[in-house]
Protein backbone atom coordinates (compact mmCIF):
# COMPACT_ATOMS: atom_id res chain seq x y z
CA UNK A 1 136.06 1.16 -19.57
CA UNK A 2 136.52 -1.35 -16.75
CA UNK A 3 136.21 -0.13 -13.17
CA UNK A 4 137.41 -2.09 -10.13
CA UNK A 5 134.75 -3.15 -7.62
CA UNK A 6 134.16 -1.26 -4.42
CA UNK A 7 136.38 -1.95 -1.41
CA UNK A 8 134.52 -3.26 1.64
CA UNK A 9 136.24 -2.10 4.83
CA UNK A 10 135.11 -2.90 8.41
CA UNK A 11 134.29 0.29 10.29
CA UNK A 12 132.38 1.89 13.13
CA UNK A 13 130.46 5.13 12.71
CA UNK A 14 130.48 6.81 16.11
CA UNK A 15 129.55 9.96 17.92
CA UNK A 16 132.06 11.17 20.48
CA UNK A 17 131.16 14.33 22.41
CA UNK A 18 129.78 16.82 19.88
CA UNK A 19 131.57 15.22 16.90
CA UNK A 20 131.05 12.20 14.65
CA UNK A 21 133.60 10.13 12.78
CA UNK A 22 134.40 6.90 10.97
CA UNK A 23 136.59 4.57 13.06
CA UNK A 24 138.89 1.90 11.60
CA UNK A 25 141.24 -0.71 12.95
CA UNK A 26 144.61 -0.18 11.30
CA UNK A 27 144.83 -3.85 10.30
CA UNK A 28 141.46 -3.66 8.49
CA UNK A 29 142.59 -0.95 6.07
CA UNK A 30 143.87 -1.95 2.61
CA UNK A 31 147.63 -2.54 2.78
CA UNK A 32 148.59 0.70 0.95
CA UNK A 33 146.55 2.70 3.51
CA UNK A 34 148.09 1.03 6.55
CA UNK A 35 151.02 3.43 6.32
CA UNK A 36 150.96 7.24 6.17
CA UNK A 37 150.89 8.75 2.70
CA UNK A 38 148.88 9.55 -0.38
CA UNK A 39 146.99 6.23 -0.48
CA UNK A 40 145.73 6.62 3.09
CA UNK A 41 144.69 10.22 2.50
CA UNK A 42 142.92 9.35 -0.76
CA UNK A 43 141.01 6.53 0.92
CA UNK A 44 139.83 8.66 3.86
CA UNK A 45 138.86 11.54 1.59
CA UNK A 46 136.66 9.17 -0.40
CA UNK A 47 135.16 7.65 2.75
CA UNK A 48 134.06 11.10 3.92
CA UNK A 49 133.06 12.28 0.42
CA UNK A 50 135.66 15.01 -0.06
CA UNK A 51 136.49 17.20 -1.81
CA UNK A 52 132.88 18.23 -2.40
CA UNK A 53 132.37 21.51 -4.30
CA UNK A 54 128.68 21.33 -3.35
CA UNK A 55 129.58 21.32 0.36
CA UNK A 56 127.12 18.51 1.18
CA UNK A 57 129.12 15.24 1.42
CA UNK A 58 126.25 13.53 -0.42
CA UNK A 59 128.55 10.76 -1.70
CA UNK A 60 130.29 9.94 1.56
CA UNK A 61 130.00 9.47 5.31
CA UNK A 62 130.72 13.08 6.22
CA UNK A 63 128.06 15.64 7.07
CA UNK A 64 129.82 18.70 5.62
CA UNK A 65 130.87 20.33 8.90
CA UNK A 66 134.21 20.34 10.69
CA UNK A 67 132.58 18.34 13.52
CA UNK A 68 131.49 15.52 11.23
CA UNK A 69 134.24 15.19 8.59
CA UNK A 70 136.51 13.16 10.86
CA UNK A 71 138.32 9.83 10.69
CA UNK A 72 140.06 7.72 13.31
CA UNK A 73 142.54 4.84 12.98
CA UNK A 74 143.06 2.62 16.04
CA UNK A 75 145.57 -0.11 16.78
CA UNK A 76 146.67 -2.10 19.80
CA UNK A 77 149.43 -0.16 21.49
CA UNK A 78 152.91 -1.55 21.96
CA UNK A 79 153.79 1.32 24.31
CA UNK A 80 154.19 0.44 27.98
CA UNK A 81 151.12 1.28 30.09
CA UNK A 82 148.94 2.06 27.05
CA UNK A 83 146.10 0.04 25.57
CA UNK A 84 145.45 1.63 22.19
CA UNK A 85 147.09 4.01 19.71
CA UNK A 86 144.72 6.66 18.36
CA UNK A 87 145.42 8.52 15.13
CA UNK A 88 143.04 11.29 14.07
CA UNK A 89 142.53 12.68 10.56
CA UNK A 90 140.53 15.88 10.03
CA UNK A 91 139.21 15.76 6.46
CA UNK A 92 138.74 19.04 4.60
CA UNK A 93 135.33 19.49 3.02
CA UNK A 94 136.06 21.33 -0.21
CA UNK A 95 139.73 20.46 -0.77
CA UNK A 96 141.65 17.18 -1.19
CA UNK A 97 143.38 17.49 2.16
CA UNK A 98 143.60 15.49 5.39
CA UNK A 99 145.07 17.38 8.34
CA UNK A 100 147.05 15.17 10.74
CA UNK A 101 148.45 18.04 12.83
CA UNK A 102 146.26 17.70 15.93
CA UNK A 103 143.83 15.71 18.02
CA UNK A 104 140.03 15.71 18.27
CA UNK A 105 139.15 16.01 21.94
CA UNK A 106 135.50 15.13 21.39
CA UNK A 107 136.24 11.91 19.54
CA UNK A 108 138.78 11.06 22.25
CA UNK A 109 135.74 10.08 24.35
CA UNK A 110 134.76 7.50 21.72
CA UNK A 111 138.21 5.88 21.47
CA UNK A 112 137.83 3.77 24.63
CA UNK A 113 134.41 2.37 23.66
CA UNK A 114 135.59 1.86 20.06
CA UNK A 115 138.69 -0.02 21.23
CA UNK A 116 136.47 -2.38 23.24
CA UNK A 117 134.00 -2.86 20.36
CA UNK A 118 136.88 -3.58 17.96
CA UNK A 119 138.53 -6.13 20.25
CA UNK A 120 141.64 -4.07 20.95
CA UNK A 121 141.42 -4.58 24.73
CA UNK A 122 142.10 -7.98 26.27
CA UNK A 123 138.82 -9.61 27.29
CA UNK A 124 140.00 -10.18 30.86
CA UNK A 125 140.30 -6.40 31.27
CA UNK A 126 136.56 -5.94 30.87
CA UNK A 127 134.61 -6.26 34.14
CA UNK A 128 131.09 -7.64 34.25
CA UNK A 129 129.91 -4.35 35.70
CA UNK A 130 131.66 -1.12 36.62
CA UNK A 131 134.27 0.86 34.69
CA UNK A 132 137.35 0.00 32.68
CA UNK A 133 140.21 2.46 32.42
CA UNK A 134 141.48 2.73 28.86
CA UNK A 135 144.89 4.34 28.46
CA UNK A 136 145.16 5.91 25.02
CA UNK A 137 148.26 7.07 23.17
CA UNK A 138 147.27 10.05 21.03
CA UNK A 139 149.64 9.48 18.12
CA UNK A 140 149.16 12.86 16.38
CA UNK A 141 150.53 14.85 19.31
CA UNK A 142 152.28 12.18 21.38
CA UNK A 143 150.16 12.50 24.54
CA UNK A 144 148.31 10.22 26.93
CA UNK A 145 144.53 10.29 27.37
CA UNK A 146 142.75 8.21 30.00
CA UNK A 147 139.08 7.36 29.49
CA UNK A 148 136.90 5.61 32.06
CA UNK A 149 134.36 3.59 30.10
CA UNK A 150 131.20 2.33 31.88
CA UNK A 151 130.48 -1.39 31.54
CA UNK A 152 127.17 -3.19 32.15
CA UNK A 153 126.77 -6.96 31.73
CA UNK A 154 130.22 -7.15 30.16
CA UNK A 155 129.37 -4.65 27.42
CA UNK A 156 130.03 -0.94 26.93
CA UNK A 157 127.19 1.02 28.54
CA UNK A 158 126.20 3.60 25.93
CA UNK A 159 122.79 4.75 27.12
CA UNK A 160 122.28 6.89 30.20
CA UNK A 161 121.09 10.22 31.55
CA UNK A 162 124.25 12.32 31.12
CA UNK A 163 123.32 15.44 29.14
CA UNK A 164 125.94 17.24 27.07
CA UNK A 165 125.06 20.60 25.52
CA UNK A 166 125.46 20.31 21.76
CA UNK A 167 124.20 16.69 21.75
CA UNK A 168 120.46 16.16 21.35
CA UNK A 169 119.97 13.05 23.49
CA UNK A 170 121.47 11.94 26.82
CA UNK A 171 123.87 9.01 27.05
CA UNK A 172 126.30 7.37 29.47
CA UNK A 173 128.95 9.63 30.99
CA UNK A 174 132.60 9.02 30.07
CA UNK A 175 135.15 10.98 32.15
CA UNK A 176 138.20 11.81 30.01
CA UNK A 177 141.55 12.96 31.42
CA UNK A 178 144.19 14.54 29.22
CA UNK A 179 147.42 13.70 31.05
CA UNK A 180 150.20 16.28 30.81
CA UNK A 181 148.74 17.85 27.63
CA UNK A 182 151.97 19.84 27.55
CA UNK A 183 155.16 18.01 28.45
CA UNK A 184 156.96 19.81 31.32
CA UNK A 185 159.95 20.24 29.00
CA UNK A 186 157.80 22.02 26.40
CA UNK A 187 156.71 25.65 26.41
CA UNK A 188 153.07 26.07 27.40
CA UNK A 189 153.26 29.62 26.03
CA UNK A 190 155.35 29.43 22.82
CA UNK A 191 156.36 33.09 23.02
CA UNK A 192 157.07 32.92 26.76
CA UNK A 193 154.29 35.44 27.44
CA UNK A 194 150.82 35.02 28.86
CA UNK A 195 149.64 37.94 26.73
CA UNK A 196 151.17 39.10 23.44
CA UNK A 197 150.37 41.88 21.01
CA UNK A 198 149.51 40.45 17.62
CA UNK A 199 149.92 42.72 14.59
CA UNK A 200 147.89 41.61 11.58
CA UNK A 201 148.42 43.77 8.47
CA UNK A 202 145.18 45.15 7.13
CA UNK A 203 143.21 43.80 10.09
CA UNK A 204 144.49 45.38 13.29
CA UNK A 205 146.47 45.06 16.49
CA UNK A 206 145.18 42.69 19.15
CA UNK A 207 146.00 41.39 22.60
CA UNK A 208 146.31 37.61 22.39
CA UNK A 209 147.09 34.63 24.60
CA UNK A 210 148.95 32.03 22.56
CA UNK A 211 148.90 28.66 24.30
CA UNK A 212 149.72 25.06 23.38
CA UNK A 213 147.58 22.89 25.64
CA UNK A 214 145.30 20.26 24.12
CA UNK A 215 145.68 22.03 20.80
CA UNK A 216 147.56 25.21 19.86
CA UNK A 217 145.06 28.02 20.42
CA UNK A 218 144.97 31.78 19.90
CA UNK A 219 142.70 33.53 22.41
CA UNK A 220 141.45 37.07 21.70
CA UNK A 221 139.18 39.49 23.53
CA UNK A 222 135.71 39.45 21.95
CA UNK A 223 135.38 43.22 22.43
CA UNK A 224 138.55 43.89 20.43
CA UNK A 225 136.87 42.16 17.48
CA UNK A 226 133.60 44.03 17.88
CA UNK A 227 131.82 41.02 19.41
CA UNK A 228 130.08 40.40 22.73
CA UNK A 229 131.09 36.76 23.13
CA UNK A 230 127.45 35.64 23.04
CA UNK A 231 127.36 35.15 19.24
CA UNK A 232 125.84 32.05 17.64
CA UNK A 233 127.06 30.46 14.42
CA UNK A 234 125.14 32.58 11.92
CA UNK A 235 126.59 35.84 13.28
CA UNK A 236 130.07 34.72 12.24
CA UNK A 237 129.62 32.08 9.56
CA UNK A 238 127.27 34.19 7.45
CA UNK A 239 129.81 37.03 7.39
CA UNK A 240 132.57 36.28 4.83
CA UNK A 241 134.53 39.38 5.83
CA UNK A 242 134.55 38.29 9.47
CA UNK A 243 135.75 34.80 8.53
CA UNK A 244 138.52 36.27 6.37
CA UNK A 245 139.58 38.59 9.18
CA UNK A 246 139.69 35.76 11.72
CA UNK A 247 141.61 33.52 9.31
CA UNK A 248 144.21 36.27 8.83
CA UNK A 249 144.57 36.52 12.61
CA UNK A 250 144.91 32.74 12.84
CA UNK A 251 147.61 32.70 10.16
CA UNK A 252 149.70 35.42 11.80
CA UNK A 253 149.21 33.84 15.22
CA UNK A 254 150.45 30.52 13.84
CA UNK A 255 153.67 32.25 12.75
CA UNK A 256 154.12 33.79 16.22
CA UNK A 257 153.61 30.34 17.76
CA UNK A 258 156.31 28.86 15.53
CA UNK A 259 153.90 26.47 13.82
CA UNK A 260 154.53 27.85 10.33
CA UNK A 261 157.12 30.17 8.78
CA UNK A 262 154.81 32.35 6.70
CA UNK A 263 151.08 33.21 6.94
CA UNK A 264 150.50 31.71 3.48
CA UNK A 265 151.26 28.26 4.91
CA UNK A 266 148.18 28.38 7.17
CA UNK A 267 146.05 27.16 4.27
CA UNK A 268 147.79 23.77 4.50
CA UNK A 269 147.29 23.60 8.28
CA UNK A 270 143.57 24.22 8.75
CA UNK A 271 143.10 22.11 11.87
CA UNK A 272 145.69 23.95 13.97
CA UNK A 273 145.97 26.40 15.55
CA UNK A 274 142.46 27.24 16.67
CA UNK A 275 141.32 30.82 17.16
CA UNK A 276 138.84 31.71 19.91
CA UNK A 277 137.49 34.85 21.51
CA UNK A 278 136.52 35.32 25.16
CA UNK A 279 134.31 37.68 27.15
CA UNK A 280 133.09 38.01 30.74
CA UNK A 281 129.87 36.15 31.60
CA UNK A 282 126.73 37.47 29.94
CA UNK A 283 123.29 35.96 29.38
CA UNK A 284 122.24 34.62 25.98
CA UNK A 285 119.98 32.04 24.39
CA UNK A 286 121.80 28.95 23.11
CA UNK A 287 121.17 27.55 19.64
CA UNK A 288 118.79 24.96 21.13
CA UNK A 289 116.67 27.72 22.67
CA UNK A 290 118.03 26.99 26.14
CA UNK A 291 118.56 30.18 28.18
CA UNK A 292 122.04 30.61 29.65
CA UNK A 293 122.25 33.13 32.47
CA UNK A 294 125.39 35.03 33.43
CA UNK A 295 125.25 33.27 36.79
CA UNK A 296 125.55 29.86 35.11
CA UNK A 297 129.02 30.53 33.71
CA UNK A 298 132.42 32.01 34.51
CA UNK A 299 132.96 33.40 31.00
CA UNK A 300 131.84 33.08 27.38
CA UNK A 301 134.03 31.50 24.71
CA UNK A 302 133.48 31.16 20.97
CA UNK A 303 135.94 29.14 18.87
CA UNK A 304 136.48 28.49 15.17
CA UNK A 305 137.31 25.14 13.63
CA UNK A 306 138.31 24.63 10.01
CA UNK A 307 137.40 28.23 9.21
CA UNK A 308 133.90 28.27 10.77
CA UNK A 309 132.49 29.09 14.19
CA UNK A 310 132.01 25.77 15.99
CA UNK A 311 128.46 24.84 16.98
CA UNK A 312 129.60 23.97 20.51
CA UNK A 313 133.23 23.59 21.63
CA UNK A 314 136.06 21.38 20.44
CA UNK A 315 137.30 19.11 23.23
CA UNK A 316 140.92 20.05 22.59
CA UNK A 317 140.04 23.75 22.74
CA UNK A 318 138.27 23.06 26.04
CA UNK A 319 141.60 21.73 27.33
CA UNK A 320 143.22 25.00 26.29
CA UNK A 321 140.38 27.00 27.91
CA UNK A 322 140.60 25.12 31.20
CA UNK A 323 144.38 25.47 31.29
CA UNK A 324 144.43 29.17 30.42
CA UNK A 325 141.63 29.92 32.87
CA UNK A 326 143.71 28.44 35.71
CA UNK A 327 146.75 30.63 35.00
CA UNK A 328 146.59 34.24 36.26
CA UNK A 329 147.07 36.94 33.66
CA UNK A 330 145.89 35.16 30.53
CA UNK A 331 143.01 36.66 28.58
CA UNK A 332 140.90 33.64 29.50
CA UNK A 333 141.64 34.04 33.21
CA UNK A 334 140.91 37.78 33.03
CA UNK A 335 137.56 37.18 31.32
CA UNK A 336 136.69 34.66 34.05
CA UNK A 337 137.30 37.21 36.78
CA UNK A 338 141.02 36.89 37.36
CA UNK A 339 141.09 34.63 40.41
CA UNK A 340 142.92 31.35 40.88
CA UNK A 341 140.67 28.41 39.96
CA UNK A 342 140.84 24.65 39.49
CA UNK A 343 137.84 24.47 37.14
CA UNK A 344 135.85 26.75 34.89
CA UNK A 345 132.37 26.65 33.37
CA UNK A 346 132.08 28.51 30.10
CA UNK A 347 129.30 29.36 27.70
CA UNK A 348 129.46 28.26 24.07
CA UNK A 349 126.91 28.46 21.23
CA UNK A 350 125.10 25.26 22.30
CA UNK A 351 125.15 25.83 26.05
CA UNK A 352 127.76 25.33 28.77
CA UNK A 353 130.70 23.08 29.58
CA UNK A 354 132.72 22.55 32.74
CA UNK A 355 136.41 21.62 32.56
CA UNK A 356 138.94 21.14 35.35
CA UNK A 357 142.69 21.74 35.15
CA UNK A 358 145.55 20.94 37.51
CA UNK A 359 148.36 23.44 36.91
CA UNK A 360 151.31 24.69 38.92
CA UNK A 361 154.24 27.04 38.53
CA UNK A 362 157.60 25.32 38.84
CA UNK A 363 160.90 27.14 38.54
CA UNK A 364 159.20 29.98 36.70
CA UNK A 365 157.39 27.72 34.21
CA UNK A 366 153.72 26.79 34.17
CA UNK A 367 153.14 23.03 34.10
CA UNK A 368 149.85 21.26 33.35
CA UNK A 369 149.44 17.90 35.07
CA UNK A 370 145.94 17.01 33.96
CA UNK A 371 142.80 18.41 32.35
CA UNK A 372 139.52 16.57 32.95
CA UNK A 373 136.06 16.80 31.43
CA UNK A 374 133.09 14.50 30.92
CA UNK A 375 131.77 13.56 27.49
CA UNK A 376 129.66 10.74 26.07
CA UNK A 377 129.91 8.45 23.05
CA UNK A 378 127.74 6.05 21.11
CA UNK A 379 128.02 3.67 18.17
CA UNK A 380 125.67 4.93 15.48
CA UNK A 381 126.33 2.21 12.91
CA UNK A 382 128.70 -0.71 12.49
CA UNK A 383 129.61 -2.93 9.59
CA UNK A 384 131.51 -2.04 6.43
CA UNK A 385 132.08 1.20 4.59
CA UNK A 386 132.22 0.95 0.80
CA UNK A 387 134.77 2.88 -1.27
CA UNK A 388 135.32 2.68 -5.07
CA UNK A 389 138.41 0.51 -5.60
CA UNK A 390 139.86 2.92 -8.13
CA UNK A 391 140.69 5.36 -5.33
CA UNK A 392 143.86 3.39 -4.56
CA UNK A 393 144.82 3.19 -8.25
CA UNK A 394 144.76 6.95 -8.70
CA UNK A 395 147.65 7.78 -6.34
């Protein structure tokens, strides 16, 4: 039997925040994958090495976690006042599925540097030294992200002394602003309430804050779930019953948020919404062994991504946390002490993270102008990714 040769596709392999992904220029993809559809999904699945029943991604670029089974497609933006269009694909590990329903906030920090490396910014925009502002159109959710990328000697400055909990080594700091993560015409709280009661058959009845900022997120009280809010990954991910319970809550919350019509549809929308639980500040030891004292933080937050407790915090969920913390009466604000605030520092399994949010109440509606946090990014490898050519002949 004759097999076609492998495809050779230019790509960057990058870390952004606490995530890693494979970055492509749209024009470098094979023609069938330059448009949305089965061919694009099949190609990206094969790049990552999914679906993998062994859960290892041995035959692909993924690392078998939700933080590392990610793909990004970039193109020069034709939108006014934007430099680059950013499309994010979250690749399932054990199923043939790419979720295009949301953004990756962590990889958002890598988009500006990637756009410069890939030649998507005009050369005259790049200073010899200083910063360049990269305006990014997040195509999955139709929002603007602004990254300030450090430049030294005309090149992206990737090394530095900025430490980010959840990332082993320091790097250069990249401030990232999520501009109007919720359009003023859209409902920040899909139900109209800052706190709802969520009934989940066979699981229980829970207070919940359902918010659509950064990424649709369901916030719960840790105590209502029997948790302290200081849990690390093993406490949740090694408990199949706990994961099933949290997935049922996520599915029913998605219905209440109007994202799906029936809980059964949640299986085809793994990336969104997220489910997270919050608790007042309490001391714990992070997964790195770093002690986190109650005085270091305003609250504790633990969040799940793709059915597992995240090792740190998703950037998009941090947007939701910062927004909810700034609005009186939400579960996040209550856990943080209940006062009005412009920023919040929260504990997560790998340490702490600070996020700022500018919100205001206008004509009875809460509006989010901007959410800001600092991340870092680094090119890990560049060149070409190889994919068996038959992948495009099987769709």
